[in-house]
Amino acid sequence: MPPKRADPRARPHVPRSPRVYQRTIARLTRIAVTEGYGSTQTRRTLHFLLHTDRGLSSRADYVDPQHVPDFDGDVAWFEVEKIERGGDHRWPWWRAVRQVEPPADA
């Protein structure tokens, strides 16, 4: 009798990098709240609003603060990517790759 083969479902899969669905240059606006009073007052970023060329009638896209590099001010231009779902994300999500200069027509 031949030896039993291992169950193919038990093989570990090599993790792969997430697939990028879309890349674009977009303006991100910081949405923040101020908490506390006086000397204990702090400002906390809730999320970033992603502005694209789709116009005001489209639904808004948001970017989690952990996926945006630090920058000064409340508005900046970034190269952003829409990434496939997986891991901790149950749907495709946006991440800012790097800060760029605003486009000439902005």
Protein backbone atom coordinates (compact mmCIF):
# COMPACT_ATOMS: atom_id res chain seq x y z
CA MET A 1 0.00 0.00 0.00
CA PRO A 2 1.47 3.42 -0.95
CA PRO A 3 2.17 5.93 1.84
CA LYS A 4 -0.56 8.47 2.60
CA ARG A 5 -0.11 11.90 1.09
CA ALA A 6 -0.44 15.05 3.13
CA ASP A 7 -3.67 16.96 2.84
CA PRO A 8 -3.07 19.71 0.20
CA ARG A 9 -5.15 22.15 2.25
CA ALA A 10 -2.66 21.85 5.11
CA ARG A 11 0.23 23.32 3.10
CA PRO A 12 1.29 26.77 4.26
CA HIS A 13 0.81 29.45 1.65
CA VAL A 14 3.51 31.96 0.91
CA PRO A 15 2.19 35.43 1.77
CA ARG A 16 2.10 37.77 -1.19
CA SER A 17 2.00 41.52 -1.35
CA PRO A 18 -1.51 42.97 -1.79
CA ARG A 19 -2.66 43.82 -5.30
CA VAL A 20 -2.92 47.50 -6.24
CA TYR A 21 -6.19 48.26 -8.05
CA GLN A 22 -5.67 51.93 -8.78
CA ARG A 23 -2.99 54.65 -8.49
CA THR A 24 -3.67 58.37 -8.65
CA ILE A 25 -2.58 61.77 -7.37
CA ALA A 26 -5.11 63.17 -4.89
CA ARG A 27 -5.52 65.88 -2.30
CA LEU A 28 -5.95 64.66 1.28
CA THR A 29 -7.64 66.82 3.91
CA ARG A 30 -7.09 66.06 7.59
CA ILE A 31 -10.28 65.71 9.67
CA ALA A 32 -9.32 66.25 13.31
CA VAL A 33 -10.87 66.97 16.70
CA THR A 34 -9.54 68.99 19.61
CA GLU A 35 -9.82 67.24 22.97
CA GLY A 36 -9.30 68.60 26.47
CA TYR A 37 -9.06 72.12 27.85
CA GLY A 38 -6.28 74.60 28.58
CA SER A 39 -2.79 73.12 28.83
CA THR A 40 -4.09 69.55 28.35
CA GLN A 41 -5.64 70.35 24.99
CA THR A 42 -4.62 67.92 22.22
CA ARG A 43 -5.53 67.53 18.56
CA ARG A 44 -6.26 64.05 17.22
CA THR A 45 -6.64 63.06 13.55
CA LEU A 46 -9.79 61.01 12.91
CA HIS A 47 -9.24 60.31 9.21
CA PHE A 48 -8.28 61.93 5.92
CA LEU A 49 -10.80 62.86 3.24
CA LEU A 50 -9.70 61.82 -0.24
CA HIS A 51 -10.51 64.36 -2.96
CA THR A 52 -10.49 63.02 -6.51
CA ASP A 53 -11.77 64.28 -9.86
CA ARG A 54 -15.13 62.48 -9.48
CA GLY A 55 -16.90 65.61 -8.25
CA LEU A 56 -19.10 66.47 -5.30
CA SER A 57 -21.98 64.15 -6.20
CA SER A 58 -19.93 60.98 -5.64
CA ARG A 59 -19.57 59.31 -2.28
CA ALA A 60 -16.54 60.28 -0.23
CA ASP A 61 -13.47 58.12 0.20
CA TYR A 62 -11.56 58.07 3.45
CA VAL A 63 -7.99 57.16 4.34
CA ASP A 64 -7.02 55.82 7.76
CA PRO A 65 -4.36 57.97 9.51
CA GLN A 66 -2.08 54.94 9.92
CA HIS A 67 -1.83 54.72 6.10
CA VAL A 68 -0.71 58.34 5.56
CA PRO A 69 2.86 59.60 6.08
CA ASP A 70 3.26 62.55 8.47
CA PHE A 71 3.02 66.03 6.96
CA ASP A 72 2.60 69.62 8.15
CA GLY A 73 -0.74 71.39 7.80
CA ASP A 74 -4.21 70.04 7.12
CA VAL A 75 -4.11 69.65 3.32
CA ALA A 76 -1.48 68.01 1.10
CA TRP A 77 -1.17 66.18 -2.21
CA PHE A 78 -0.21 62.50 -2.25
CA GLU A 79 0.26 59.61 -4.61
CA VAL A 80 -2.41 57.19 -3.36
CA GLU A 81 -3.14 53.54 -4.09
CA LYS A 82 -6.32 51.51 -3.74
CA ILE A 83 -5.33 48.12 -2.31
CA GLU A 84 -7.22 44.81 -2.44
CA ARG A 85 -8.94 43.59 0.69
CA GLY A 86 -7.21 41.11 2.96
CA GLY A 87 -5.64 40.81 6.36
CA ASP A 88 -7.40 43.27 8.67
CA HIS A 89 -9.39 44.83 5.82
CA ARG A 90 -12.72 43.41 4.67
CA TRP A 91 -12.94 45.67 1.59
CA PRO A 92 -10.48 47.52 -0.68
CA TRP A 93 -8.79 50.44 1.06
CA TRP A 94 -6.67 53.49 0.22
CA ARG A 95 -3.13 54.24 1.34
CA ALA A 96 -0.96 57.28 0.69
CA VAL A 97 2.42 56.28 -0.74
CA ARG A 98 4.31 59.56 -0.80
CA GLN A 99 3.72 63.29 -0.74
CA VAL A 100 3.96 65.04 -4.12
CA GLU A 101 3.71 68.55 -5.52
CA PRO A 102 0.19 69.64 -6.53
CA PRO A 103 -0.62 69.21 -10.23
CA ALA A 104 -0.39 72.30 -12.45
CA ASP A 105 -4.17 72.41 -13.03
CA ALA A 106 -5.05 72.23 -9.30
